[in-house]
């Protein structure tokens, strides 16, 4: 992800969490960021005092959340000079069918409707608010995706969507994009990598980027919503075939 978009997305990662169930909210926020690659493997988190302040929680709440993340193997804590909490990216491979099996078709459709609405709103605002550097990053991501496949393509797919959301200049939309990507994004990216879908998906990505570049808000929203809806329909078909 480009520097400006990464900064915007990371701002959403470290924005204050909701008042309710704060330990769970911190765990969810940080685990989502790790799953999406916003926090890189081996990256050191801010100090407990700084991180608690940025998330708007007490140090006691933060320590409980970090303990839960350690139990899940998502962070490790080192003592002594140069110590602190460090990110550990999960090493296990993504199994699409295993992730799909517990989800009913109705649940997938509901998730897809929500994600399409967020993706569409983000794309529309990106078309209205993006800076030249944002568009340059989007086009660079498109170029990288043309030569990628498998897990790398899935990561780049997610990065492109995050860059569009960040270009909207809305921290709340970017935060919701992060949350939804963690919930359904990997399923959508895996479907996008299917041999029969790659050309269609490539064309949809290019259309979103061009609409953003031209400032065509309505067009950007329509293409982004259709892009997510098409992927979800393929997910539902695959789920019903299991």
C-alpha atoms as a PDB file:
ATOM      1  CA  UNK A   1       0.000   0.000   0.000  1.00  0.00           C
ATOM      2  CA  UNK A   2       1.270   3.500  -0.801  1.00  0.00           C
ATOM      3  CA  UNK A   3       2.476   5.706   2.016  1.00  0.00           C
ATOM      4  CA  UNK A   4      -0.496   8.107   2.037  1.00  0.00           C
ATOM      5  CA  UNK A   5      -3.110   5.357   1.889  1.00  0.00           C
ATOM      6  CA  UNK A   6      -1.242   3.297   4.480  1.00  0.00           C
ATOM      7  CA  UNK A   7      -1.134   6.315   6.803  1.00  0.00           C
ATOM      8  CA  UNK A   8      -4.902   6.806   6.421  1.00  0.00           C
ATOM      9  CA  UNK A   9      -5.625   3.121   6.999  1.00  0.00           C
ATOM     10  CA  UNK A  10      -3.313   2.968  10.019  1.00  0.00           C
ATOM     11  CA  UNK A  11      -5.052   6.063  11.410  1.00  0.00           C
ATOM     12  CA  UNK A  12      -8.265   4.021  11.343  1.00  0.00           C
ATOM     13  CA  UNK A  13      -6.514   1.076  13.027  1.00  0.00           C
ATOM     14  CA  UNK A  14      -5.411   3.221  15.973  1.00  0.00           C
ATOM     15  CA  UNK A  15      -8.545   5.411  16.303  1.00  0.00           C
ATOM     16  CA  UNK A  16     -10.418   5.176  19.655  1.00  0.00           C
ATOM     17  CA  UNK A  17     -12.558   2.046  20.014  1.00  0.00           C
ATOM     18  CA  UNK A  18     -16.234   1.977  20.958  1.00  0.00           C
ATOM     19  CA  UNK A  19     -17.221   2.234  24.624  1.00  0.00           C
ATOM     20  CA  UNK A  20     -18.919  -1.169  24.747  1.00  0.00           C
ATOM     21  CA  UNK A  21     -16.922  -4.387  25.265  1.00  0.00           C
ATOM     22  CA  UNK A  22     -13.641  -2.542  24.988  1.00  0.00           C
ATOM     23  CA  UNK A  23     -11.327  -5.524  25.467  1.00  0.00           C
ATOM     24  CA  UNK A  24     -13.109  -7.368  22.666  1.00  0.00           C
ATOM     25  CA  UNK A  25     -13.053  -4.219  20.518  1.00  0.00           C
ATOM     26  CA  UNK A  26      -9.279  -3.813  20.907  1.00  0.00           C
ATOM     27  CA  UNK A  27      -8.681  -7.507  20.167  1.00  0.00           C
ATOM     28  CA  UNK A  28     -10.877  -7.323  17.080  1.00  0.00           C
ATOM     29  CA  UNK A  29      -9.293  -4.084  15.819  1.00  0.00           C
ATOM     30  CA  UNK A  30      -5.719  -5.315  16.128  1.00  0.00           C
ATOM     31  CA  UNK A  31      -6.390  -8.866  14.914  1.00  0.00           C
ATOM     32  CA  UNK A  32      -8.182  -7.476  11.846  1.00  0.00           C
ATOM     33  CA  UNK A  33      -5.225  -5.187  11.122  1.00  0.00           C
ATOM     34  CA  UNK A  34      -2.809  -8.129  11.409  1.00  0.00           C
ATOM     35  CA  UNK A  35      -4.954 -10.333   9.155  1.00  0.00           C
ATOM     36  CA  UNK A  36      -5.095  -7.595   6.506  1.00  0.00           C
ATOM     37  CA  UNK A  37      -1.374  -6.846   6.621  1.00  0.00           C
ATOM     38  CA  UNK A  38      -1.820  -3.304   7.961  1.00  0.00           C
ATOM     39  CA  UNK A  39       0.397  -4.389  10.826  1.00  0.00           C
ATOM     40  CA  UNK A  40       3.323  -6.323   9.391  1.00  0.00           C
ATOM     41  CA  UNK A  41       4.891  -9.509  10.707  1.00  0.00           C
ATOM     42  CA  UNK A  42       7.588  -8.571  13.225  1.00  0.00           C
ATOM     43  CA  UNK A  43       6.385  -4.965  13.566  1.00  0.00           C
ATOM     44  CA  UNK A  44       6.649  -3.521  17.057  1.00  0.00           C
ATOM     45  CA  UNK A  45       3.461  -2.043  18.493  1.00  0.00           C
ATOM     46  CA  UNK A  46       3.566   1.300  20.300  1.00  0.00           C
ATOM     47  CA  UNK A  47       4.230   1.186  24.042  1.00  0.00           C
ATOM     48  CA  UNK A  48       1.313   0.156  26.252  1.00  0.00           C
ATOM     49  CA  UNK A  49       0.828   3.721  27.487  1.00  0.00           C
ATOM     50  CA  UNK A  50       0.889   5.197  23.981  1.00  0.00           C
ATOM     51  CA  UNK A  51      -1.288   2.487  22.451  1.00  0.00           C
ATOM     52  CA  UNK A  52      -3.882   2.725  25.244  1.00  0.00           C
ATOM     53  CA  UNK A  53      -4.038   6.489  24.745  1.00  0.00           C
ATOM     54  CA  UNK A  54      -4.454   6.223  20.985  1.00  0.00           C
ATOM     55  CA  UNK A  55      -7.201   3.598  21.307  1.00  0.00           C
ATOM     56  CA  UNK A  56      -8.923   5.550  24.082  1.00  0.00           C
ATOM     57  CA  UNK A  57      -8.826   2.709  26.644  1.00  0.00           C
ATOM     58  CA  UNK A  58      -7.200   2.190  30.028  1.00  0.00           C
ATOM     59  CA  UNK A  59      -3.858   0.398  30.301  1.00  0.00           C
ATOM     60  CA  UNK A  60      -5.652  -2.403  32.210  1.00  0.00           C
ATOM     61  CA  UNK A  61      -8.044  -2.915  29.282  1.00  0.00           C
ATOM     62  CA  UNK A  62      -5.165  -2.844  26.809  1.00  0.00           C
ATOM     63  CA  UNK A  63      -3.153  -5.415  28.784  1.00  0.00           C
ATOM     64  CA  UNK A  64      -6.151  -7.776  28.827  1.00  0.00           C
ATOM     65  CA  UNK A  65      -6.489  -7.376  25.065  1.00  0.00           C
ATOM     66  CA  UNK A  66      -2.765  -7.983  24.485  1.00  0.00           C
ATOM     67  CA  UNK A  67      -2.979 -11.095  26.647  1.00  0.00           C
ATOM     68  CA  UNK A  68      -5.830 -12.412  24.477  1.00  0.00           C
ATOM     69  CA  UNK A  69      -3.819 -11.669  21.324  1.00  0.00           C
ATOM     70  CA  UNK A  70      -0.813 -13.514  22.783  1.00  0.00           C
ATOM     71  CA  UNK A  71      -2.995 -16.563  23.489  1.00  0.00           C
ATOM     72  CA  UNK A  72      -4.078 -16.506  19.836  1.00  0.00           C
ATOM     73  CA  UNK A  73      -0.464 -16.308  18.693  1.00  0.00           C
ATOM     74  CA  UNK A  74      -0.933 -12.918  17.012  1.00  0.00           C
ATOM     75  CA  UNK A  75       1.604 -11.031  19.104  1.00  0.00           C
ATOM     76  CA  UNK A  76       4.607 -11.928  21.205  1.00  0.00           C
ATOM     77  CA  UNK A  77       6.075  -9.930  24.065  1.00  0.00           C
ATOM     78  CA  UNK A  78       9.816  -9.606  24.545  1.00  0.00           C
ATOM     79  CA  UNK A  79      11.443  -8.377  27.726  1.00  0.00           C
ATOM     80  CA  UNK A  80      14.547  -6.316  28.311  1.00  0.00           C
ATOM     81  CA  UNK A  81      16.326  -3.834  26.053  1.00  0.00           C
ATOM     82  CA  UNK A  82      14.509  -3.546  22.732  1.00  0.00           C
ATOM     83  CA  UNK A  83      11.541  -5.390  24.201  1.00  0.00           C
ATOM     84  CA  UNK A  84       7.833  -4.788  23.690  1.00  0.00           C
ATOM     85  CA  UNK A  85       4.909  -6.345  21.821  1.00  0.00           C
ATOM     86  CA  UNK A  86       5.579  -7.582  18.282  1.00  0.00           C
ATOM     87  CA  UNK A  87       3.178  -8.730  15.559  1.00  0.00           C
ATOM     88  CA  UNK A  88       3.131 -12.381  14.493  1.00  0.00           C
ATOM     89  CA  UNK A  89       1.340 -13.049  11.219  1.00  0.00           C
ATOM     90  CA  UNK A  90      -0.507 -16.421  11.161  1.00  0.00           C
ATOM     91  CA  UNK A  91       1.339 -18.982   9.056  1.00  0.00           C
ATOM     92  CA  UNK A  92      -1.542 -21.362   8.333  1.00  0.00           C
ATOM     93  CA  UNK A  93      -2.918 -21.340   4.747  1.00  0.00           C
ATOM     94  CA  UNK A  94      -6.353 -19.971   3.926  1.00  0.00           C
ATOM     95  CA  UNK A  95      -8.923 -22.700   3.166  1.00  0.00           C
ATOM     96  CA  UNK A  96     -11.857 -21.176   1.280  1.00  0.00           C
ATOM     97  CA  UNK A  97     -14.231 -24.140   1.620  1.00  0.00           C
ATOM     98  CA  UNK A  98     -13.463 -24.484   5.329  1.00  0.00           C
ATOM     99  CA  UNK A  99     -14.281 -20.795   5.866  1.00  0.00           C
ATOM    100  CA  UNK A 100     -17.446 -21.037   3.789  1.00  0.00           C
ATOM    101  CA  UNK A 101     -18.864 -24.181   5.393  1.00  0.00           C
ATOM    102  CA  UNK A 102     -20.257 -22.547   8.597  1.00  0.00           C
ATOM    103  CA  UNK A 103     -21.867 -19.683   6.651  1.00  0.00           C
ATOM    104  CA  UNK A 104     -25.407 -19.942   5.335  1.00  0.00           C
ATOM    105  CA  UNK A 105     -26.212 -18.464   1.923  1.00  0.00           C
ATOM    106  CA  UNK A 106     -28.474 -15.885   3.594  1.00  0.00           C
ATOM    107  CA  UNK A 107     -25.644 -14.774   5.883  1.00  0.00           C
ATOM    108  CA  UNK A 108     -23.261 -14.436   2.938  1.00  0.00           C
ATOM    109  CA  UNK A 109     -25.808 -12.357   1.044  1.00  0.00           C
ATOM    110  CA  UNK A 110     -26.372 -10.090   4.058  1.00  0.00           C
ATOM    111  CA  UNK A 111     -22.616  -9.616   4.526  1.00  0.00           C
ATOM    112  CA  UNK A 112     -22.283  -8.930   0.821  1.00  0.00           C
ATOM    113  CA  UNK A 113     -25.017  -6.291   0.870  1.00  0.00           C
ATOM    114  CA  UNK A 114     -23.289  -4.506   3.751  1.00  0.00           C
ATOM    115  CA  UNK A 115     -19.856  -4.716   2.143  1.00  0.00           C
ATOM    116  CA  UNK A 116     -21.174  -3.530  -1.234  1.00  0.00           C
ATOM    117  CA  UNK A 117     -22.717  -0.471   0.435  1.00  0.00           C
ATOM    118  CA  UNK A 118     -19.463   0.414   2.202  1.00  0.00           C
ATOM    119  CA  UNK A 119     -17.303  -0.254  -0.869  1.00  0.00           C
ATOM    120  CA  UNK A 120     -19.639   1.822  -3.021  1.00  0.00           C
ATOM    121  CA  UNK A 121     -19.694   4.764  -0.615  1.00  0.00           C
ATOM    122  CA  UNK A 122     -15.915   4.671  -0.300  1.00  0.00           C
ATOM    123  CA  UNK A 123     -15.414   4.599  -4.070  1.00  0.00           C
ATOM    124  CA  UNK A 124     -17.830   7.510  -4.600  1.00  0.00           C
ATOM    125  CA  UNK A 125     -16.063   9.678  -2.042  1.00  0.00           C
ATOM    126  CA  UNK A 126     -12.658   8.648  -3.385  1.00  0.00           C
ATOM    127  CA  UNK A 127     -13.732   9.923  -6.799  1.00  0.00           C
ATOM    128  CA  UNK A 128     -14.665  13.247  -5.228  1.00  0.00           C
ATOM    129  CA  UNK A 129     -11.791  13.642  -2.771  1.00  0.00           C
ATOM    130  CA  UNK A 130      -8.771  11.651  -3.964  1.00  0.00           C
ATOM    131  CA  UNK A 131      -5.472  13.390  -4.604  1.00  0.00           C
ATOM    132  CA  UNK A 132      -3.169  12.698  -7.579  1.00  0.00           C
ATOM    133  CA  UNK A 133      -0.928  10.599  -5.323  1.00  0.00           C
ATOM    134  CA  UNK A 134      -3.908   8.404  -4.373  1.00  0.00           C
ATOM    135  CA  UNK A 135      -4.711   7.689  -8.024  1.00  0.00           C
ATOM    136  CA  UNK A 136      -1.058   6.958  -8.752  1.00  0.00           C
ATOM    137  CA  UNK A 137      -1.024   4.366  -5.957  1.00  0.00           C
ATOM    138  CA  UNK A 138      -4.212   2.761  -7.245  1.00  0.00           C
ATOM    139  CA  UNK A 139      -2.767   2.449 -10.743  1.00  0.00           C
ATOM    140  CA  UNK A 140       0.464   1.041  -9.348  1.00  0.00           C
ATOM    141  CA  UNK A 141      -1.523  -1.595  -7.458  1.00  0.00           C
ATOM    142  CA  UNK A 142      -3.382  -2.509 -10.661  1.00  0.00           C
ATOM    143  CA  UNK A 143      -0.068  -3.017 -12.444  1.00  0.00           C
ATOM    144  CA  UNK A 144       1.219  -5.252  -9.657  1.00  0.00           C
ATOM    145  CA  UNK A 145      -1.985  -7.311  -9.706  1.00  0.00           C
ATOM    146  CA  UNK A 146      -1.652  -8.025 -13.440  1.00  0.00           C
ATOM    147  CA  UNK A 147       1.468 -10.103 -12.759  1.00  0.00           C
ATOM    148  CA  UNK A 148       0.295 -11.761  -9.523  1.00  0.00           C
ATOM    149  CA  UNK A 149      -1.620 -14.913  -8.656  1.00  0.00           C
ATOM    150  CA  UNK A 150      -2.601 -17.008  -5.667  1.00  0.00           C
ATOM    151  CA  UNK A 151      -1.965 -15.613  -2.192  1.00  0.00           C
ATOM    152  CA  UNK A 152      -0.067 -12.614  -3.539  1.00  0.00           C
ATOM    153  CA  UNK A 153      -2.998 -11.604  -5.759  1.00  0.00           C
ATOM    154  CA  UNK A 154      -5.383 -11.950  -2.822  1.00  0.00           C
ATOM    155  CA  UNK A 155      -3.226  -9.625  -0.704  1.00  0.00           C
ATOM    156  CA  UNK A 156      -2.987  -7.082  -3.513  1.00  0.00           C
ATOM    157  CA  UNK A 157      -6.750  -7.283  -4.063  1.00  0.00           C
ATOM    158  CA  UNK A 158      -7.360  -6.401  -0.432  1.00  0.00           C
ATOM    159  CA  UNK A 159      -4.765  -3.644  -0.579  1.00  0.00           C
ATOM    160  CA  UNK A 160      -6.480  -2.045  -3.577  1.00  0.00           C
ATOM    161  CA  UNK A 161      -9.813  -1.938  -1.751  1.00  0.00           C
ATOM    162  CA  UNK A 162      -8.150  -0.407   1.308  1.00  0.00           C
ATOM    163  CA  UNK A 163      -6.439   2.199  -0.871  1.00  0.00           C
ATOM    164  CA  UNK A 164      -9.793   3.186  -2.398  1.00  0.00           C
ATOM    165  CA  UNK A 165     -11.328   3.494   1.076  1.00  0.00           C
ATOM    166  CA  UNK A 166      -8.365   5.526   2.340  1.00  0.00           C
ATOM    167  CA  UNK A 167      -8.640   7.828  -0.700  1.00  0.00           C
ATOM    168  CA  UNK A 168     -12.182   8.698   0.468  1.00  0.00           C
ATOM    169  CA  UNK A 169     -10.500  10.655   3.311  1.00  0.00           C
ATOM    170  CA  UNK A 170     -13.056   9.147   5.723  1.00  0.00           C
ATOM    171  CA  UNK A 171     -11.586   7.461   8.796  1.00  0.00           C
ATOM    172  CA  UNK A 172     -14.921   5.836   9.664  1.00  0.00           C
ATOM    173  CA  UNK A 173     -15.401   4.366   6.184  1.00  0.00           C
ATOM    174  CA  UNK A 174     -11.813   3.138   6.145  1.00  0.00           C
ATOM    175  CA  UNK A 175     -12.286   1.548   9.566  1.00  0.00           C
ATOM    176  CA  UNK A 176     -15.443  -0.223   8.386  1.00  0.00           C
ATOM    177  CA  UNK A 177     -13.657  -1.383   5.218  1.00  0.00           C
ATOM    178  CA  UNK A 178     -10.952  -2.898   7.443  1.00  0.00           C
ATOM    179  CA  UNK A 179     -13.556  -4.657   9.602  1.00  0.00           C
ATOM    180  CA  UNK A 180     -15.511  -6.055   6.665  1.00  0.00           C
ATOM    181  CA  UNK A 181     -12.391  -7.139   4.826  1.00  0.00           C
ATOM    182  CA  UNK A 182     -11.387  -9.173   7.862  1.00  0.00           C
ATOM    183  CA  UNK A 183     -14.871 -10.738   7.989  1.00  0.00           C
ATOM    184  CA  UNK A 184     -15.561 -11.473   4.327  1.00  0.00           C
ATOM    185  CA  UNK A 185     -12.670 -10.010   2.330  1.00  0.00           C
ATOM    186  CA  UNK A 186     -10.501 -13.164   2.170  1.00  0.00           C
ATOM    187  CA  UNK A 187     -13.495 -15.112   0.850  1.00  0.00           C
ATOM    188  CA  UNK A 188     -14.052 -12.565  -1.923  1.00  0.00           C
ATOM    189  CA  UNK A 189     -10.363 -12.404  -2.864  1.00  0.00           C
ATOM    190  CA  UNK A 190     -10.131 -16.195  -3.083  1.00  0.00           C
ATOM    191  CA  UNK A 191     -13.101 -16.285  -5.472  1.00  0.00           C
ATOM    192  CA  UNK A 192     -11.510 -13.481  -7.514  1.00  0.00           C
ATOM    193  CA  UNK A 193      -8.463 -15.678  -8.078  1.00  0.00           C
ATOM    194  CA  UNK A 194     -10.511 -18.482  -9.670  1.00  0.00           C
ATOM    195  CA  UNK A 195      -9.415 -18.981 -13.323  1.00  0.00           C
ATOM    196  CA  UNK A 196     -12.865 -18.187 -14.717  1.00  0.00           C
ATOM    197  CA  UNK A 197     -13.131 -14.920 -12.790  1.00  0.00           C
ATOM    198  CA  UNK A 198      -9.759 -13.256 -13.307  1.00  0.00           C
ATOM    199  CA  UNK A 199     -10.511 -11.348 -16.529  1.00  0.00           C
ATOM    200  CA  UNK A 200     -13.838 -10.044 -15.214  1.00  0.00           C
ATOM    201  CA  UNK A 201     -12.318  -9.032 -11.887  1.00  0.00           C
ATOM    202  CA  UNK A 202      -9.363  -7.320 -13.587  1.00  0.00           C
ATOM    203  CA  UNK A 203     -11.783  -5.293 -15.720  1.00  0.00           C
ATOM    204  CA  UNK A 204     -13.863  -4.328 -12.664  1.00  0.00           C
ATOM    205  CA  UNK A 205     -10.791  -3.192 -10.735  1.00  0.00           C
ATOM    206  CA  UNK A 206      -9.638  -1.102 -13.689  1.00  0.00           C
ATOM    207  CA  UNK A 207     -13.102   0.455 -14.026  1.00  0.00           C
ATOM    208  CA  UNK A 208     -13.163   1.443 -10.335  1.00  0.00           C
ATOM    209  CA  UNK A 209      -9.732   3.057 -10.561  1.00  0.00           C
ATOM    210  CA  UNK A 210     -10.560   4.953 -13.760  1.00  0.00           C
ATOM    211  CA  UNK A 211     -13.846   6.231 -12.324  1.00  0.00           C
ATOM    212  CA  UNK A 212     -11.977   7.475  -9.240  1.00  0.00           C
ATOM    213  CA  UNK A 213      -9.294   9.074 -11.448  1.00  0.00           C
ATOM    214  CA  UNK A 214     -11.924  10.902 -13.527  1.00  0.00           C
ATOM    215  CA  UNK A 215     -13.912  12.098 -10.525  1.00  0.00           C
ATOM    216  CA  UNK A 216     -16.984  10.101 -11.603  1.00  0.00           C
ATOM    217  CA  UNK A 217     -18.560   9.453  -8.223  1.00  0.00           C
ATOM    218  CA  UNK A 218     -21.755   7.754  -9.398  1.00  0.00           C
ATOM    219  CA  UNK A 219     -19.842   5.502 -11.786  1.00  0.00           C
ATOM    220  CA  UNK A 220     -17.270   4.577  -9.130  1.00  0.00           C
ATOM    221  CA  UNK A 221     -20.018   3.664  -6.683  1.00  0.00           C
ATOM    222  CA  UNK A 222     -21.930   1.561  -9.200  1.00  0.00           C
ATOM    223  CA  UNK A 223     -18.879  -0.419 -10.321  1.00  0.00           C
ATOM    224  CA  UNK A 224     -17.638  -0.995  -6.754  1.00  0.00           C
ATOM    225  CA  UNK A 225     -21.052  -2.230  -5.603  1.00  0.00           C
ATOM    226  CA  UNK A 226     -21.398  -4.526  -8.629  1.00  0.00           C
ATOM    227  CA  UNK A 227     -17.856  -5.806  -8.099  1.00  0.00           C
ATOM    228  CA  UNK A 228     -18.641  -6.968  -4.552  1.00  0.00           C
ATOM    229  CA  UNK A 229     -22.099  -8.273  -5.497  1.00  0.00           C
ATOM    230  CA  UNK A 230     -20.689 -10.404  -8.329  1.00  0.00           C
ATOM    231  CA  UNK A 231     -18.110 -11.944  -6.009  1.00  0.00           C
ATOM    232  CA  UNK A 232     -20.706 -12.716  -3.347  1.00  0.00           C
ATOM    233  CA  UNK A 233     -22.945 -14.458  -5.884  1.00  0.00           C
ATOM    234  CA  UNK A 234     -20.015 -16.701  -6.813  1.00  0.00           C
ATOM    235  CA  UNK A 235     -19.375 -17.353  -3.111  1.00  0.00           C
ATOM    236  CA  UNK A 236     -22.999 -18.361  -2.584  1.00  0.00           C
ATOM    237  CA  UNK A 237     -22.848 -20.722  -5.575  1.00  0.00           C
ATOM    238  CA  UNK A 238     -19.715 -22.335  -4.165  1.00  0.00           C
ATOM    239  CA  UNK A 239     -21.227 -22.600  -0.678  1.00  0.00           C
ATOM    240  CA  UNK A 240     -24.351 -24.316  -2.013  1.00  0.00           C
ATOM    241  CA  UNK A 241     -22.163 -26.793  -3.890  1.00  0.00           C
ATOM    242  CA  UNK A 242     -20.372 -27.941  -0.701  1.00  0.00           C
END
